[in-house]
Amino acid sequence: MIVRRLPTQWEERYGIRPVLLETFVDTEQFAGTCYKAANWIYVGKTKGRGKLGPAGKQSVPIKDLWLYPLSRQFRSRLTR
């Protein structure tokens, strides 16, 4: 339900309509089954560096990365 409402609400607040959602799943605790069931696209694993971690070294758990397109034209809109 939130996926349907999010693009419009985000655009109203920030003036930009998102075309893609991303989420990270800690596979040490969760399998990501709900994302698979909801048609999210598994794209791979993180390197485990985190936003502020040292370059080239794992500082946080490795997570699965899942994406959910909000627009059929998401690829062309992201590469403009």
N, C-alpha and C. Protein backbone atom coordinates (compact mmCIF):
# COMPACT_ATOMS: atom_id res chain seq x y z
N MET A 1 0.83 -1.19 0.00
CA MET A 1 0.00 0.00 0.00
C MET A 1 0.88 1.26 0.00
N ILE A 2 1.95 1.24 0.76
CA ILE A 2 2.81 2.42 0.84
C ILE A 2 3.52 2.67 -0.49
N VAL A 3 3.84 1.60 -1.22
CA VAL A 3 4.52 1.74 -2.51
C VAL A 3 3.65 2.52 -3.48
N ARG A 4 2.35 2.35 -3.42
CA ARG A 4 1.44 3.08 -4.31
C ARG A 4 1.34 4.55 -3.93
N ARG A 5 1.39 4.85 -2.64
CA ARG A 5 1.22 6.24 -2.18
C ARG A 5 2.52 7.04 -2.20
N LEU A 6 3.63 6.36 -2.04
CA LEU A 6 4.90 7.04 -1.87
C LEU A 6 5.28 8.00 -3.00
N PRO A 7 5.20 7.62 -4.28
CA PRO A 7 5.63 8.54 -5.33
C PRO A 7 4.92 9.90 -5.30
N THR A 8 3.62 9.89 -5.13
CA THR A 8 2.86 11.13 -5.11
C THR A 8 3.19 11.95 -3.87
N GLN A 9 3.25 11.32 -2.71
CA GLN A 9 3.55 12.05 -1.49
C GLN A 9 4.97 12.62 -1.51
N TRP A 10 5.92 11.86 -2.05
CA TRP A 10 7.30 12.33 -2.14
C TRP A 10 7.38 13.55 -3.07
N GLU A 11 6.67 13.44 -4.20
CA GLU A 11 6.68 14.55 -5.16
C GLU A 11 6.05 15.81 -4.56
N GLU A 12 4.97 15.65 -3.82
CA GLU A 12 4.33 16.80 -3.17
C GLU A 12 5.27 17.47 -2.18
N ARG A 13 6.04 16.68 -1.46
CA ARG A 13 6.91 17.23 -0.42
C ARG A 13 8.24 17.77 -0.95
N TYR A 14 8.85 17.02 -1.89
CA TYR A 14 10.20 17.36 -2.34
C TYR A 14 10.29 17.87 -3.78
N GLY A 15 9.20 17.77 -4.53
CA GLY A 15 9.19 18.26 -5.89
C GLY A 15 9.84 17.34 -6.91
N ILE A 16 10.16 16.12 -6.52
CA ILE A 16 10.76 15.14 -7.41
C ILE A 16 10.00 13.83 -7.26
N ARG A 17 9.62 13.23 -8.38
CA ARG A 17 8.89 11.96 -8.32
C ARG A 17 9.88 10.80 -8.44
N PRO A 18 9.97 9.96 -7.41
CA PRO A 18 10.89 8.82 -7.48
C PRO A 18 10.43 7.80 -8.52
N VAL A 19 11.40 7.12 -9.12
CA VAL A 19 11.09 6.11 -10.13
C VAL A 19 11.55 4.72 -9.70
N LEU A 20 12.25 4.64 -8.56
CA LEU A 20 12.82 3.37 -8.12
C LEU A 20 12.99 3.39 -6.60
N LEU A 21 12.66 2.28 -5.95
CA LEU A 21 12.90 2.13 -4.52
C LEU A 21 14.03 1.13 -4.32
N GLU A 22 14.79 1.30 -3.25
CA GLU A 22 15.82 0.32 -2.91
C GLU A 22 15.71 -0.02 -1.43
N THR A 23 16.10 -1.24 -1.10
CA THR A 23 16.14 -1.65 0.29
C THR A 23 17.29 -2.63 0.47
N PHE A 24 17.77 -2.70 1.69
CA PHE A 24 18.87 -3.59 2.04
C PHE A 24 18.36 -4.59 3.06
N VAL A 25 18.70 -5.86 2.89
CA VAL A 25 18.26 -6.93 3.79
C VAL A 25 19.48 -7.57 4.43
N ASP A 26 19.51 -7.53 5.75
CA ASP A 26 20.58 -8.19 6.51
C ASP A 26 20.30 -9.69 6.50
N THR A 27 21.04 -10.42 5.69
CA THR A 27 20.76 -11.85 5.50
C THR A 27 21.18 -12.70 6.69
N GLU A 28 21.89 -12.11 7.65
CA GLU A 28 22.19 -12.85 8.88
C GLU A 28 20.93 -12.99 9.74
N GLN A 29 19.96 -12.10 9.53
CA GLN A 29 18.73 -12.12 10.32
C GLN A 29 17.48 -12.43 9.51
N PHE A 30 17.49 -12.07 8.21
CA PHE A 30 16.28 -12.20 7.40
C PHE A 30 16.62 -12.81 6.04
N ALA A 31 15.63 -13.43 5.42
CA ALA A 31 15.84 -14.05 4.11
C ALA A 31 15.41 -13.15 2.95
N GLY A 32 14.62 -12.11 3.21
CA GLY A 32 14.12 -11.26 2.14
C GLY A 32 12.93 -11.85 1.41
N THR A 33 12.31 -12.84 2.00
CA THR A 33 11.19 -13.53 1.36
C THR A 33 10.04 -12.60 1.02
N CYS A 34 9.75 -11.64 1.89
CA CYS A 34 8.62 -10.73 1.62
C CYS A 34 8.89 -9.86 0.40
N TYR A 35 10.15 -9.46 0.18
CA TYR A 35 10.48 -8.66 -1.00
C TYR A 35 10.33 -9.49 -2.27
N LYS A 36 10.79 -10.72 -2.22
CA LYS A 36 10.65 -11.61 -3.38
C LYS A 36 9.17 -11.82 -3.70
N ALA A 37 8.38 -12.05 -2.67
CA ALA A 37 6.94 -12.27 -2.87
C ALA A 37 6.23 -11.03 -3.40
N ALA A 38 6.77 -9.85 -3.10
CA ALA A 38 6.15 -8.60 -3.55
C ALA A 38 6.75 -8.11 -4.87
N ASN A 39 7.49 -8.99 -5.57
CA ASN A 39 8.05 -8.70 -6.89
C ASN A 39 9.16 -7.66 -6.90
N TRP A 40 9.88 -7.52 -5.78
CA TRP A 40 11.09 -6.70 -5.79
C TRP A 40 12.14 -7.48 -6.57
N ILE A 41 13.13 -6.79 -7.11
CA ILE A 41 14.17 -7.41 -7.93
C ILE A 41 15.47 -7.49 -7.12
N TYR A 42 15.96 -8.71 -6.94
CA TYR A 42 17.24 -8.89 -6.25
C TYR A 42 18.35 -8.52 -7.23
N VAL A 43 19.28 -7.63 -6.80
CA VAL A 43 20.34 -7.20 -7.71
C VAL A 43 21.74 -7.56 -7.23
N GLY A 44 21.88 -8.05 -6.02
CA GLY A 44 23.20 -8.46 -5.55
C GLY A 44 23.44 -8.16 -4.09
N LYS A 45 24.70 -8.20 -3.71
CA LYS A 45 25.10 -7.99 -2.32
C LYS A 45 25.95 -6.73 -2.21
N THR A 46 25.91 -6.09 -1.05
CA THR A 46 26.77 -4.95 -0.79
C THR A 46 28.18 -5.44 -0.48
N LYS A 47 29.11 -4.54 -0.40
CA LYS A 47 30.49 -4.89 -0.05
C LYS A 47 30.71 -4.88 1.46
N GLY A 48 29.73 -4.36 2.21
CA GLY A 48 29.88 -4.32 3.66
C GLY A 48 30.71 -3.15 4.16
N ARG A 49 30.86 -2.12 3.34
CA ARG A 49 31.65 -0.97 3.75
C ARG A 49 30.85 0.06 4.52
N GLY A 50 29.57 0.17 4.23
CA GLY A 50 28.75 1.20 4.88
C GLY A 50 29.06 2.57 4.30
N LYS A 51 28.26 3.55 4.69
CA LYS A 51 28.41 4.90 4.17
C LYS A 51 29.71 5.56 4.64
N LEU A 52 30.06 5.33 5.88
CA LEU A 52 31.21 6.02 6.46
C LEU A 52 32.38 5.10 6.75
N GLY A 53 32.31 3.88 6.29
CA GLY A 53 33.37 2.92 6.57
C GLY A 53 34.63 3.18 5.78
N PRO A 54 35.73 2.60 6.21
CA PRO A 54 37.00 2.77 5.49
C PRO A 54 36.95 2.10 4.12
N ALA A 55 37.58 2.74 3.14
CA ALA A 55 37.59 2.22 1.77
C ALA A 55 38.27 0.85 1.72
N GLY A 56 37.61 -0.10 1.05
CA GLY A 56 38.19 -1.41 0.84
C GLY A 56 38.11 -2.37 2.01
N LYS A 57 37.53 -1.96 3.12
CA LYS A 57 37.43 -2.84 4.29
C LYS A 57 35.97 -2.99 4.72
N GLN A 58 35.60 -4.21 5.06
CA GLN A 58 34.25 -4.46 5.53
C GLN A 58 34.12 -3.93 6.96
N SER A 59 33.12 -3.06 7.17
CA SER A 59 32.92 -2.50 8.50
C SER A 59 31.50 -2.73 9.02
N VAL A 60 30.60 -3.17 8.14
CA VAL A 60 29.22 -3.49 8.52
C VAL A 60 28.85 -4.82 7.85
N PRO A 61 27.79 -5.48 8.30
CA PRO A 61 27.41 -6.76 7.67
C PRO A 61 27.08 -6.59 6.18
N ILE A 62 27.43 -7.59 5.39
CA ILE A 62 27.06 -7.61 3.97
C ILE A 62 25.56 -7.85 3.88
N LYS A 63 24.91 -7.08 3.00
CA LYS A 63 23.45 -7.16 2.88
C LYS A 63 23.05 -7.40 1.43
N ASP A 64 21.86 -7.97 1.25
CA ASP A 64 21.29 -8.12 -0.09
C ASP A 64 20.64 -6.80 -0.49
N LEU A 65 20.75 -6.45 -1.76
CA LEU A 65 20.17 -5.23 -2.30
C LEU A 65 18.99 -5.60 -3.20
N TRP A 66 17.83 -5.01 -2.91
CA TRP A 66 16.61 -5.25 -3.67
C TRP A 66 16.09 -3.92 -4.23
N LEU A 67 15.56 -3.94 -5.45
CA LEU A 67 15.01 -2.76 -6.10
C LEU A 67 13.55 -3.00 -6.50
N TYR A 68 12.78 -1.91 -6.52
CA TYR A 68 11.39 -1.99 -6.95
C TYR A 68 11.11 -0.80 -7.88
N PRO A 69 10.92 -1.05 -9.18
CA PRO A 69 10.62 0.05 -10.11
C PRO A 69 9.23 0.63 -9.86
N LEU A 70 9.16 1.96 -9.84
CA LEU A 70 7.88 2.65 -9.68
C LEU A 70 7.35 3.16 -11.01
N SER A 71 8.19 3.06 -12.04
CA SER A 71 7.83 3.53 -13.37
C SER A 71 8.41 2.54 -14.39
N ARG A 72 7.69 2.30 -15.46
CA ARG A 72 8.20 1.41 -16.50
C ARG A 72 9.41 2.01 -17.21
N GLN A 73 9.50 3.33 -17.19
CA GLN A 73 10.61 4.02 -17.86
C GLN A 73 11.73 4.37 -16.88
N PHE A 74 11.86 3.64 -15.78
CA PHE A 74 12.84 4.02 -14.76
C PHE A 74 14.27 4.06 -15.30
N ARG A 75 14.63 3.16 -16.19
CA ARG A 75 16.00 3.14 -16.72
C ARG A 75 16.31 4.42 -17.51
N SER A 76 15.41 4.80 -18.40
CA SER A 76 15.67 6.00 -19.20
C SER A 76 15.63 7.26 -18.34
N ARG A 77 14.78 7.29 -17.33
CA ARG A 77 14.73 8.47 -16.46
C ARG A 77 15.96 8.59 -15.58
N LEU A 78 16.56 7.47 -15.23
CA LEU A 78 17.76 7.52 -14.38
C LEU A 78 19.02 7.81 -15.18
N THR A 79 18.98 7.62 -16.48
CA THR A 79 20.18 7.82 -17.29
C THR A 79 20.14 9.09 -18.13
N ARG A 80 19.23 9.97 -17.84
CA ARG A 80 19.14 11.25 -18.59
C ARG A 80 20.31 12.12 -18.29
